[in-house]
């Protein structure tokens, strides 16, 4: 039995909780997935998975085995990347995760440029803002926007994330332009679902305001909110990395530009500096350089 393949199959089953999903992802039959898991259990003389008609879950032995398998697979990937190409050319696959809006506005073009430099590399980008166990999900880098990144992860800052209040010219012509923060209370406003119940924080010098905005439309994706604003739906707070072009071409207009909004940090997060592959290091350095001194 190819024990490394068996370890890979087992970690995929543990991550997805499904033999069928693992078979589809690894392009093998469900019977072969089952065989690899059973032979790994026989080799270790331990039951690794509890199987029912509804779900697959790890046993205590499976939890222990999963950790060791992930370490073994990571070390094998490092070994392959460092020795298979004597000329130092990067190859293999990197797995990233990012929010939809940042991937749409900035990361997709950055990744494309990086792949042009390293034609033997492959990148799989998963979109979403949800919390992930990067080790269990086998994510190499998570691009996240936060004021307090997960302290259990290594964070490398990429850029600042500033925000701006925007609306379409047609909406402002119909309703009037807010001249004071308090005027926002009389307007149709939209919010990201993560902040829908939080006050909008605005500051100007020593003056700080917290407005309890009632949002008529919320969504868990900033790109969707931008499209709603372009469709004259109201006022929304959006990151400048997403709307800089729309502001330049006049499709959106800034609201109360003399007032400052909270700023966050865009960071690349990864589990550990140990066993960090050359490909991940190269991508990190590339992203830091690409987003340095950005003017969104």
C-alpha atoms as a PDB file:
ATOM      1  CA  UNK A   1       0.000   0.000   0.000  1.00  0.00           C
ATOM      2  CA  UNK A   2       1.153   3.543  -0.784  1.00  0.00           C
ATOM      3  CA  UNK A   3       1.009   4.833   2.776  1.00  0.00           C
ATOM      4  CA  UNK A   4       1.487   8.476   1.822  1.00  0.00           C
ATOM      5  CA  UNK A   5      -1.490   8.248  -0.511  1.00  0.00           C
ATOM      6  CA  UNK A   6      -3.445   6.523   2.247  1.00  0.00           C
ATOM      7  CA  UNK A   7      -2.576   9.396   4.590  1.00  0.00           C
ATOM      8  CA  UNK A   8      -3.724  11.919   1.977  1.00  0.00           C
ATOM      9  CA  UNK A   9      -6.993  10.048   1.462  1.00  0.00           C
ATOM     10  CA  UNK A  10      -7.574   9.829   5.208  1.00  0.00           C
ATOM     11  CA  UNK A  11      -6.939  13.563   5.778  1.00  0.00           C
ATOM     12  CA  UNK A  12      -9.345  14.442   2.962  1.00  0.00           C
ATOM     13  CA  UNK A  13     -12.059  12.201   4.425  1.00  0.00           C
ATOM     14  CA  UNK A  14     -11.481  13.773   7.840  1.00  0.00           C
ATOM     15  CA  UNK A  15     -11.766  17.281   6.368  1.00  0.00           C
ATOM     16  CA  UNK A  16     -14.867  16.673   4.245  1.00  0.00           C
ATOM     17  CA  UNK A  17     -16.588  14.063   6.411  1.00  0.00           C
ATOM     18  CA  UNK A  18     -17.473  12.215   3.237  1.00  0.00           C
ATOM     19  CA  UNK A  19     -16.005   9.262   1.339  1.00  0.00           C
ATOM     20  CA  UNK A  20     -17.878  10.310  -1.816  1.00  0.00           C
ATOM     21  CA  UNK A  21     -16.621  13.903  -1.695  1.00  0.00           C
ATOM     22  CA  UNK A  22     -13.074  12.640  -1.186  1.00  0.00           C
ATOM     23  CA  UNK A  23     -13.411  10.289  -4.143  1.00  0.00           C
ATOM     24  CA  UNK A  24     -14.577  13.173  -6.352  1.00  0.00           C
ATOM     25  CA  UNK A  25     -11.813  15.498  -5.190  1.00  0.00           C
ATOM     26  CA  UNK A  26      -9.012  12.943  -5.601  1.00  0.00           C
ATOM     27  CA  UNK A  27     -10.466  11.519  -8.817  1.00  0.00           C
ATOM     28  CA  UNK A  28     -10.703   7.940  -7.574  1.00  0.00           C
ATOM     29  CA  UNK A  29     -13.534   5.530  -6.898  1.00  0.00           C
ATOM     30  CA  UNK A  30     -15.356   5.495  -3.589  1.00  0.00           C
ATOM     31  CA  UNK A  31     -14.314   1.845  -3.185  1.00  0.00           C
ATOM     32  CA  UNK A  32     -10.655   2.851  -3.534  1.00  0.00           C
ATOM     33  CA  UNK A  33     -11.082   5.580  -0.903  1.00  0.00           C
ATOM     34  CA  UNK A  34     -12.612   3.034   1.461  1.00  0.00           C
ATOM     35  CA  UNK A  35      -9.798   0.585   0.754  1.00  0.00           C
ATOM     36  CA  UNK A  36      -7.081   3.129   1.515  1.00  0.00           C
ATOM     37  CA  UNK A  37      -8.710   4.071   4.821  1.00  0.00           C
ATOM     38  CA  UNK A  38      -9.258   0.444   5.829  1.00  0.00           C
ATOM     39  CA  UNK A  39      -5.684  -0.537   5.011  1.00  0.00           C
ATOM     40  CA  UNK A  40      -4.366   2.454   6.975  1.00  0.00           C
ATOM     41  CA  UNK A  41      -6.481   1.324   9.931  1.00  0.00           C
ATOM     42  CA  UNK A  42      -5.150  -2.211   9.544  1.00  0.00           C
ATOM     43  CA  UNK A  43      -1.559  -0.979   9.393  1.00  0.00           C
ATOM     44  CA  UNK A  44      -2.030   1.108  12.555  1.00  0.00           C
ATOM     45  CA  UNK A  45      -4.219  -1.530  14.208  1.00  0.00           C
ATOM     46  CA  UNK A  46      -6.720   1.159  15.198  1.00  0.00           C
ATOM     47  CA  UNK A  47     -10.127   2.366  14.091  1.00  0.00           C
ATOM     48  CA  UNK A  48      -9.717   5.904  12.775  1.00  0.00           C
ATOM     49  CA  UNK A  49     -13.252   6.784  11.671  1.00  0.00           C
ATOM     50  CA  UNK A  50     -16.757   6.232  12.974  1.00  0.00           C
ATOM     51  CA  UNK A  51     -19.057   5.636  10.011  1.00  0.00           C
ATOM     52  CA  UNK A  52     -22.835   5.988  10.058  1.00  0.00           C
ATOM     53  CA  UNK A  53     -25.364   6.441   7.279  1.00  0.00           C
ATOM     54  CA  UNK A  54     -25.434  10.165   8.041  1.00  0.00           C
ATOM     55  CA  UNK A  55     -21.868  11.184   8.852  1.00  0.00           C
ATOM     56  CA  UNK A  56     -18.239  10.261   9.242  1.00  0.00           C
ATOM     57  CA  UNK A  57     -16.368  11.384  12.351  1.00  0.00           C
ATOM     58  CA  UNK A  58     -12.939  10.862  13.858  1.00  0.00           C
ATOM     59  CA  UNK A  59     -12.255   8.508  16.736  1.00  0.00           C
ATOM     60  CA  UNK A  60      -9.712   9.464  19.408  1.00  0.00           C
ATOM     61  CA  UNK A  61      -7.125   7.434  17.513  1.00  0.00           C
ATOM     62  CA  UNK A  62      -8.206   9.197  14.341  1.00  0.00           C
ATOM     63  CA  UNK A  63      -7.652  12.621  15.897  1.00  0.00           C
ATOM     64  CA  UNK A  64      -4.109  11.611  16.853  1.00  0.00           C
ATOM     65  CA  UNK A  65      -3.454  10.041  13.469  1.00  0.00           C
ATOM     66  CA  UNK A  66      -4.767  13.103  11.601  1.00  0.00           C
ATOM     67  CA  UNK A  67      -2.258  15.412  13.260  1.00  0.00           C
ATOM     68  CA  UNK A  68       0.663  13.147  12.373  1.00  0.00           C
ATOM     69  CA  UNK A  69      -0.584  12.606   8.818  1.00  0.00           C
ATOM     70  CA  UNK A  70      -0.858  16.350   8.229  1.00  0.00           C
ATOM     71  CA  UNK A  71       2.703  16.839   9.452  1.00  0.00           C
ATOM     72  CA  UNK A  72       3.992  14.000   7.278  1.00  0.00           C
ATOM     73  CA  UNK A  73       2.223  15.328   4.172  1.00  0.00           C
ATOM     74  CA  UNK A  74       3.497  18.867   4.801  1.00  0.00           C
ATOM     75  CA  UNK A  75       7.059  17.612   5.198  1.00  0.00           C
ATOM     76  CA  UNK A  76       6.729  15.542   2.025  1.00  0.00           C
ATOM     77  CA  UNK A  77       5.471  18.558   0.096  1.00  0.00           C
ATOM     78  CA  UNK A  78       8.420  20.614   1.363  1.00  0.00           C
ATOM     79  CA  UNK A  79      10.838  17.860   0.366  1.00  0.00           C
ATOM     80  CA  UNK A  80       9.351  17.630  -3.115  1.00  0.00           C
ATOM     81  CA  UNK A  81       9.498  21.373  -3.650  1.00  0.00           C
ATOM     82  CA  UNK A  82      13.067  21.693  -2.418  1.00  0.00           C
ATOM     83  CA  UNK A  83      14.599  18.697  -4.183  1.00  0.00           C
ATOM     84  CA  UNK A  84      12.561  17.854  -7.270  1.00  0.00           C
ATOM     85  CA  UNK A  85      13.679  20.954  -9.176  1.00  0.00           C
ATOM     86  CA  UNK A  86      17.469  21.403  -8.823  1.00  0.00           C
ATOM     87  CA  UNK A  87      17.298  24.719 -10.676  1.00  0.00           C
ATOM     88  CA  UNK A  88      15.131  26.151  -7.894  1.00  0.00           C
ATOM     89  CA  UNK A  89      11.983  26.527 -10.010  1.00  0.00           C
ATOM     90  CA  UNK A  90       8.865  26.531  -7.836  1.00  0.00           C
ATOM     91  CA  UNK A  91       6.161  23.963  -8.472  1.00  0.00           C
ATOM     92  CA  UNK A  92       3.277  22.201  -6.747  1.00  0.00           C
ATOM     93  CA  UNK A  93      -0.034  23.593  -5.481  1.00  0.00           C
ATOM     94  CA  UNK A  94      -0.768  26.366  -2.999  1.00  0.00           C
ATOM     95  CA  UNK A  95      -4.156  26.714  -1.325  1.00  0.00           C
ATOM     96  CA  UNK A  96      -5.366  30.207  -0.408  1.00  0.00           C
ATOM     97  CA  UNK A  97      -8.491  31.661   1.109  1.00  0.00           C
ATOM     98  CA  UNK A  98      -9.748  35.236   0.911  1.00  0.00           C
ATOM     99  CA  UNK A  99     -12.908  37.298   1.088  1.00  0.00           C
ATOM    100  CA  UNK A 100     -14.880  37.550  -2.137  1.00  0.00           C
ATOM    101  CA  UNK A 101     -14.427  41.320  -2.368  1.00  0.00           C
ATOM    102  CA  UNK A 102     -10.644  41.356  -1.912  1.00  0.00           C
ATOM    103  CA  UNK A 103     -10.202  38.469  -4.332  1.00  0.00           C
ATOM    104  CA  UNK A 104     -12.405  40.226  -6.899  1.00  0.00           C
ATOM    105  CA  UNK A 105     -10.780  43.628  -6.562  1.00  0.00           C
ATOM    106  CA  UNK A 106      -7.121  42.857  -5.906  1.00  0.00           C
ATOM    107  CA  UNK A 107      -6.037  39.288  -5.227  1.00  0.00           C
ATOM    108  CA  UNK A 108      -7.082  37.623  -8.483  1.00  0.00           C
ATOM    109  CA  UNK A 109      -4.852  39.895 -10.569  1.00  0.00           C
ATOM    110  CA  UNK A 110      -2.009  39.547  -8.053  1.00  0.00           C
ATOM    111  CA  UNK A 111      -2.205  35.752  -8.141  1.00  0.00           C
ATOM    112  CA  UNK A 112      -2.310  35.799 -11.941  1.00  0.00           C
ATOM    113  CA  UNK A 113       0.865  37.909 -12.034  1.00  0.00           C
ATOM    114  CA  UNK A 114       2.577  35.548  -9.570  1.00  0.00           C
ATOM    115  CA  UNK A 115       1.668  32.506 -11.662  1.00  0.00           C
ATOM    116  CA  UNK A 116       3.171  34.180 -14.726  1.00  0.00           C
ATOM    117  CA  UNK A 117       6.478  34.249 -12.850  1.00  0.00           C
ATOM    118  CA  UNK A 118       6.189  30.607 -11.757  1.00  0.00           C
ATOM    119  CA  UNK A 119       4.551  28.578 -14.544  1.00  0.00           C
ATOM    120  CA  UNK A 120       4.924  25.224 -12.743  1.00  0.00           C
ATOM    121  CA  UNK A 121       2.902  26.386  -9.736  1.00  0.00           C
ATOM    122  CA  UNK A 122      -0.826  25.873  -9.242  1.00  0.00           C
ATOM    123  CA  UNK A 123      -3.036  27.927  -6.915  1.00  0.00           C
ATOM    124  CA  UNK A 124      -6.435  26.971  -5.525  1.00  0.00           C
ATOM    125  CA  UNK A 125      -8.323  29.982  -4.108  1.00  0.00           C
ATOM    126  CA  UNK A 126     -11.262  29.413  -1.757  1.00  0.00           C
ATOM    127  CA  UNK A 127     -13.523  32.416  -1.105  1.00  0.00           C
ATOM    128  CA  UNK A 128     -15.187  33.262   2.197  1.00  0.00           C
ATOM    129  CA  UNK A 129     -14.739  35.184   5.440  1.00  0.00           C
ATOM    130  CA  UNK A 130     -15.494  32.357   7.856  1.00  0.00           C
ATOM    131  CA  UNK A 131     -13.063  31.126  10.469  1.00  0.00           C
ATOM    132  CA  UNK A 132     -11.034  28.122   9.327  1.00  0.00           C
ATOM    133  CA  UNK A 133      -8.648  25.675  10.886  1.00  0.00           C
ATOM    134  CA  UNK A 134      -5.875  26.210   8.365  1.00  0.00           C
ATOM    135  CA  UNK A 135      -4.128  22.942   9.220  1.00  0.00           C
ATOM    136  CA  UNK A 136      -7.251  20.796   8.962  1.00  0.00           C
ATOM    137  CA  UNK A 137      -8.334  22.595   5.780  1.00  0.00           C
ATOM    138  CA  UNK A 138      -4.795  22.397   4.396  1.00  0.00           C
ATOM    139  CA  UNK A 139      -4.765  26.121   3.657  1.00  0.00           C
ATOM    140  CA  UNK A 140      -1.326  27.592   3.045  1.00  0.00           C
ATOM    141  CA  UNK A 141      -2.323  31.260   3.343  1.00  0.00           C
ATOM    142  CA  UNK A 142      -5.450  33.021   4.549  1.00  0.00           C
ATOM    143  CA  UNK A 143      -5.883  36.647   3.505  1.00  0.00           C
ATOM    144  CA  UNK A 144      -7.936  38.329   6.199  1.00  0.00           C
ATOM    145  CA  UNK A 145      -8.947  41.898   7.104  1.00  0.00           C
ATOM    146  CA  UNK A 146      -9.050  42.595  10.819  1.00  0.00           C
ATOM    147  CA  UNK A 147      -7.854  44.841  13.616  1.00  0.00           C
ATOM    148  CA  UNK A 148      -6.910  41.800  15.708  1.00  0.00           C
ATOM    149  CA  UNK A 149      -5.785  38.745  13.674  1.00  0.00           C
ATOM    150  CA  UNK A 150      -6.007  35.305  15.252  1.00  0.00           C
ATOM    151  CA  UNK A 151      -3.138  35.196  17.809  1.00  0.00           C
ATOM    152  CA  UNK A 152      -2.700  31.463  17.166  1.00  0.00           C
ATOM    153  CA  UNK A 153      -1.578  32.229  13.600  1.00  0.00           C
ATOM    154  CA  UNK A 154       1.427  34.043  12.164  1.00  0.00           C
ATOM    155  CA  UNK A 155       0.294  37.325  10.587  1.00  0.00           C
ATOM    156  CA  UNK A 156       2.248  39.197   7.930  1.00  0.00           C
ATOM    157  CA  UNK A 157       0.719  42.614   7.181  1.00  0.00           C
ATOM    158  CA  UNK A 158       0.136  43.351   3.502  1.00  0.00           C
ATOM    159  CA  UNK A 159      -1.661  46.714   3.447  1.00  0.00           C
ATOM    160  CA  UNK A 160      -4.047  49.003   5.261  1.00  0.00           C
ATOM    161  CA  UNK A 161      -7.768  48.683   4.640  1.00  0.00           C
ATOM    162  CA  UNK A 162      -9.445  52.079   4.718  1.00  0.00           C
ATOM    163  CA  UNK A 163     -13.165  52.568   4.163  1.00  0.00           C
ATOM    164  CA  UNK A 164     -15.369  55.250   2.666  1.00  0.00           C
ATOM    165  CA  UNK A 165     -19.086  56.040   2.633  1.00  0.00           C
ATOM    166  CA  UNK A 166     -20.397  55.999  -0.927  1.00  0.00           C
ATOM    167  CA  UNK A 167     -23.588  56.325  -2.945  1.00  0.00           C
ATOM    168  CA  UNK A 168     -24.478  56.699  -6.603  1.00  0.00           C
ATOM    169  CA  UNK A 169     -24.996  60.164  -8.137  1.00  0.00           C
ATOM    170  CA  UNK A 170     -28.588  59.233  -8.999  1.00  0.00           C
ATOM    171  CA  UNK A 171     -29.384  58.326  -5.388  1.00  0.00           C
ATOM    172  CA  UNK A 172     -27.874  61.573  -4.090  1.00  0.00           C
ATOM    173  CA  UNK A 173     -29.703  63.637  -6.703  1.00  0.00           C
ATOM    174  CA  UNK A 174     -32.969  62.045  -5.599  1.00  0.00           C
ATOM    175  CA  UNK A 175     -32.468  62.304  -1.822  1.00  0.00           C
ATOM    176  CA  UNK A 176     -29.848  64.995  -1.298  1.00  0.00           C
ATOM    177  CA  UNK A 177     -26.260  64.632  -0.052  1.00  0.00           C
ATOM    178  CA  UNK A 178     -25.684  64.233   3.716  1.00  0.00           C
ATOM    179  CA  UNK A 179     -23.790  67.247   5.063  1.00  0.00           C
ATOM    180  CA  UNK A 180     -23.458  66.050   8.660  1.00  0.00           C
ATOM    181  CA  UNK A 181     -23.069  62.522  10.080  1.00  0.00           C
ATOM    182  CA  UNK A 182     -26.497  62.842  11.728  1.00  0.00           C
ATOM    183  CA  UNK A 183     -28.050  63.214   8.263  1.00  0.00           C
ATOM    184  CA  UNK A 184     -27.248  59.550   7.601  1.00  0.00           C
ATOM    185  CA  UNK A 185     -30.073  58.605   9.956  1.00  0.00           C
ATOM    186  CA  UNK A 186     -32.573  59.944   7.408  1.00  0.00           C
ATOM    187  CA  UNK A 187     -31.129  57.988   4.471  1.00  0.00           C
ATOM    188  CA  UNK A 188     -31.416  54.479   3.067  1.00  0.00           C
ATOM    189  CA  UNK A 189     -28.283  52.745   4.304  1.00  0.00           C
ATOM    190  CA  UNK A 190     -26.777  49.316   3.719  1.00  0.00           C
ATOM    191  CA  UNK A 191     -24.322  47.306   5.827  1.00  0.00           C
ATOM    192  CA  UNK A 192     -22.146  44.237   5.793  1.00  0.00           C
ATOM    193  CA  UNK A 193     -23.850  41.508   7.826  1.00  0.00           C
ATOM    194  CA  UNK A 194     -20.845  41.227  10.164  1.00  0.00           C
ATOM    195  CA  UNK A 195     -21.292  44.866  11.247  1.00  0.00           C
ATOM    196  CA  UNK A 196     -25.040  45.355  10.777  1.00  0.00           C
ATOM    197  CA  UNK A 197     -25.667  45.632  14.526  1.00  0.00           C
ATOM    198  CA  UNK A 198     -22.598  47.778  15.243  1.00  0.00           C
ATOM    199  CA  UNK A 199     -22.704  51.585  15.234  1.00  0.00           C
ATOM    200  CA  UNK A 200     -20.991  53.416  12.396  1.00  0.00           C
ATOM    201  CA  UNK A 201     -17.886  55.047  13.870  1.00  0.00           C
ATOM    202  CA  UNK A 202     -16.863  58.444  12.450  1.00  0.00           C
ATOM    203  CA  UNK A 203     -14.189  60.803  13.687  1.00  0.00           C
ATOM    204  CA  UNK A 204     -12.923  64.270  12.839  1.00  0.00           C
ATOM    205  CA  UNK A 205     -10.036  65.540  14.904  1.00  0.00           C
ATOM    206  CA  UNK A 206     -11.050  65.178  18.558  1.00  0.00           C
ATOM    207  CA  UNK A 207     -14.692  64.578  17.705  1.00  0.00           C
ATOM    208  CA  UNK A 208     -15.885  60.962  17.658  1.00  0.00           C
ATOM    209  CA  UNK A 209     -19.392  59.810  16.790  1.00  0.00           C
ATOM    210  CA  UNK A 210     -21.134  56.442  16.934  1.00  0.00           C
ATOM    211  CA  UNK A 211     -24.331  56.323  14.902  1.00  0.00           C
ATOM    212  CA  UNK A 212     -26.840  53.507  15.256  1.00  0.00           C
ATOM    213  CA  UNK A 213     -27.743  53.095  11.622  1.00  0.00           C
ATOM    214  CA  UNK A 214     -30.816  51.088  10.641  1.00  0.00           C
ATOM    215  CA  UNK A 215     -29.822  49.232   7.477  1.00  0.00           C
ATOM    216  CA  UNK A 216     -32.547  48.336   5.011  1.00  0.00           C
ATOM    217  CA  UNK A 217     -30.259  45.934   3.168  1.00  0.00           C
ATOM    218  CA  UNK A 218     -27.480  43.757   4.567  1.00  0.00           C
ATOM    219  CA  UNK A 219     -25.243  41.215   2.839  1.00  0.00           C
ATOM    220  CA  UNK A 220     -22.248  39.141   3.859  1.00  0.00           C
ATOM    221  CA  UNK A 221     -20.211  40.260   0.837  1.00  0.00           C
ATOM    222  CA  UNK A 222     -18.935  43.771   0.120  1.00  0.00           C
ATOM    223  CA  UNK A 223     -19.001  43.205  -3.655  1.00  0.00           C
ATOM    224  CA  UNK A 224     -22.752  42.630  -3.489  1.00  0.00           C
ATOM    225  CA  UNK A 225     -23.219  45.822  -1.488  1.00  0.00           C
ATOM    226  CA  UNK A 226     -21.164  47.754  -4.040  1.00  0.00           C
ATOM    227  CA  UNK A 227     -23.417  46.506  -6.832  1.00  0.00           C
ATOM    228  CA  UNK A 228     -26.469  47.593  -4.832  1.00  0.00           C
ATOM    229  CA  UNK A 229     -24.971  51.056  -4.379  1.00  0.00           C
ATOM    230  CA  UNK A 230     -24.310  51.266  -8.129  1.00  0.00           C
ATOM    231  CA  UNK A 231     -27.980  50.388  -8.622  1.00  0.00           C
ATOM    232  CA  UNK A 232     -28.967  53.511  -6.600  1.00  0.00           C
ATOM    233  CA  UNK A 233     -30.031  51.527  -3.500  1.00  0.00           C
ATOM    234  CA  UNK A 234     -28.511  53.862  -0.924  1.00  0.00           C
ATOM    235  CA  UNK A 235     -25.429  54.705   1.144  1.00  0.00           C
ATOM    236  CA  UNK A 236     -22.933  52.047   2.198  1.00  0.00           C
ATOM    237  CA  UNK A 237     -19.537  51.850   3.905  1.00  0.00           C
ATOM    238  CA  UNK A 238     -17.072  49.991   1.659  1.00  0.00           C
ATOM    239  CA  UNK A 239     -13.314  49.384   1.537  1.00  0.00           C
ATOM    240  CA  UNK A 240     -11.384  51.689  -0.764  1.00  0.00           C
ATOM    241  CA  UNK A 241      -9.586  48.707  -2.342  1.00  0.00           C
ATOM    242  CA  UNK A 242     -12.989  47.739  -3.783  1.00  0.00           C
ATOM    243  CA  UNK A 243     -14.451  51.092  -4.877  1.00  0.00           C
ATOM    244  CA  UNK A 244     -11.406  53.172  -5.847  1.00  0.00           C
ATOM    245  CA  UNK A 245     -12.075  52.801  -9.574  1.00  0.00           C
ATOM    246  CA  UNK A 246     -15.804  53.516  -9.204  1.00  0.00           C
ATOM    247  CA  UNK A 247     -14.935  56.709  -7.316  1.00  0.00           C
ATOM    248  CA  UNK A 248     -12.443  57.755  -9.998  1.00  0.00           C
ATOM    249  CA  UNK A 249     -14.893  57.303 -12.850  1.00  0.00           C
ATOM    250  CA  UNK A 250     -17.750  58.964 -10.949  1.00  0.00           C
ATOM    251  CA  UNK A 251     -20.098  55.972 -10.753  1.00  0.00           C
ATOM    252  CA  UNK A 252     -19.961  56.338  -6.972  1.00  0.00           C
ATOM    253  CA  UNK A 253     -19.448  59.490  -4.939  1.00  0.00           C
ATOM    254  CA  UNK A 254     -17.869  59.824  -1.463  1.00  0.00           C
ATOM    255  CA  UNK A 255     -20.106  60.858   1.415  1.00  0.00           C
ATOM    256  CA  UNK A 256     -18.754  63.040   4.269  1.00  0.00           C
ATOM    257  CA  UNK A 257     -15.136  62.686   3.052  1.00  0.00           C
ATOM    258  CA  UNK A 258     -13.894  65.011   5.799  1.00  0.00           C
ATOM    259  CA  UNK A 259     -14.840  62.370   8.389  1.00  0.00           C
ATOM    260  CA  UNK A 260     -12.579  59.377   9.030  1.00  0.00           C
ATOM    261  CA  UNK A 261     -13.798  55.795   9.315  1.00  0.00           C
ATOM    262  CA  UNK A 262     -12.121  52.883  11.145  1.00  0.00           C
ATOM    263  CA  UNK A 263      -9.050  51.392   9.468  1.00  0.00           C
ATOM    264  CA  UNK A 264      -8.055  47.720   9.500  1.00  0.00           C
ATOM    265  CA  UNK A 265      -5.073  45.663   8.398  1.00  0.00           C
ATOM    266  CA  UNK A 266      -5.001  43.257   5.471  1.00  0.00           C
ATOM    267  CA  UNK A 267      -2.822  40.344   6.577  1.00  0.00           C
ATOM    268  CA  UNK A 268      -1.606  37.027   5.238  1.00  0.00           C
ATOM    269  CA  UNK A 269      -2.076  34.388   7.951  1.00  0.00           C
ATOM    270  CA  UNK A 270      -0.383  30.997   8.146  1.00  0.00           C
ATOM    271  CA  UNK A 271      -0.092  28.344  10.847  1.00  0.00           C
ATOM    272  CA  UNK A 272       3.643  28.182  11.509  1.00  0.00           C
ATOM    273  CA  UNK A 273       7.016  29.389  10.325  1.00  0.00           C
ATOM    274  CA  UNK A 274       8.217  25.792  10.540  1.00  0.00           C
ATOM    275  CA  UNK A 275       8.063  23.837   7.290  1.00  0.00           C
ATOM    276  CA  UNK A 276       7.071  26.955   5.363  1.00  0.00           C
ATOM    277  CA  UNK A 277       7.631  25.910   1.775  1.00  0.00           C
ATOM    278  CA  UNK A 278       9.685  27.997  -0.679  1.00  0.00           C
ATOM    279  CA  UNK A 279       6.535  28.552  -2.749  1.00  0.00           C
ATOM    280  CA  UNK A 280       4.635  30.019   0.210  1.00  0.00           C
ATOM    281  CA  UNK A 281       7.596  32.214   1.126  1.00  0.00           C
ATOM    282  CA  UNK A 282       7.830  33.429  -2.457  1.00  0.00           C
ATOM    283  CA  UNK A 283       4.115  34.249  -2.594  1.00  0.00           C
ATOM    284  CA  UNK A 284       4.270  36.071   0.744  1.00  0.00           C
ATOM    285  CA  UNK A 285       7.183  38.218  -0.416  1.00  0.00           C
ATOM    286  CA  UNK A 286       5.430  38.893  -3.728  1.00  0.00           C
ATOM    287  CA  UNK A 287       2.193  40.028  -2.057  1.00  0.00           C
ATOM    288  CA  UNK A 288       4.023  42.238   0.443  1.00  0.00           C
ATOM    289  CA  UNK A 289       5.901  43.959  -2.375  1.00  0.00           C
ATOM    290  CA  UNK A 290       2.840  44.242  -4.634  1.00  0.00           C
ATOM    291  CA  UNK A 291       0.624  45.841  -1.986  1.00  0.00           C
ATOM    292  CA  UNK A 292       3.310  48.065  -0.431  1.00  0.00           C
ATOM    293  CA  UNK A 293       2.435  51.769  -0.527  1.00  0.00           C
ATOM    294  CA  UNK A 294      -0.901  51.089  -2.188  1.00  0.00           C
ATOM    295  CA  UNK A 295      -3.114  54.086  -2.952  1.00  0.00           C
ATOM    296  CA  UNK A 296      -6.607  52.616  -3.135  1.00  0.00           C
END
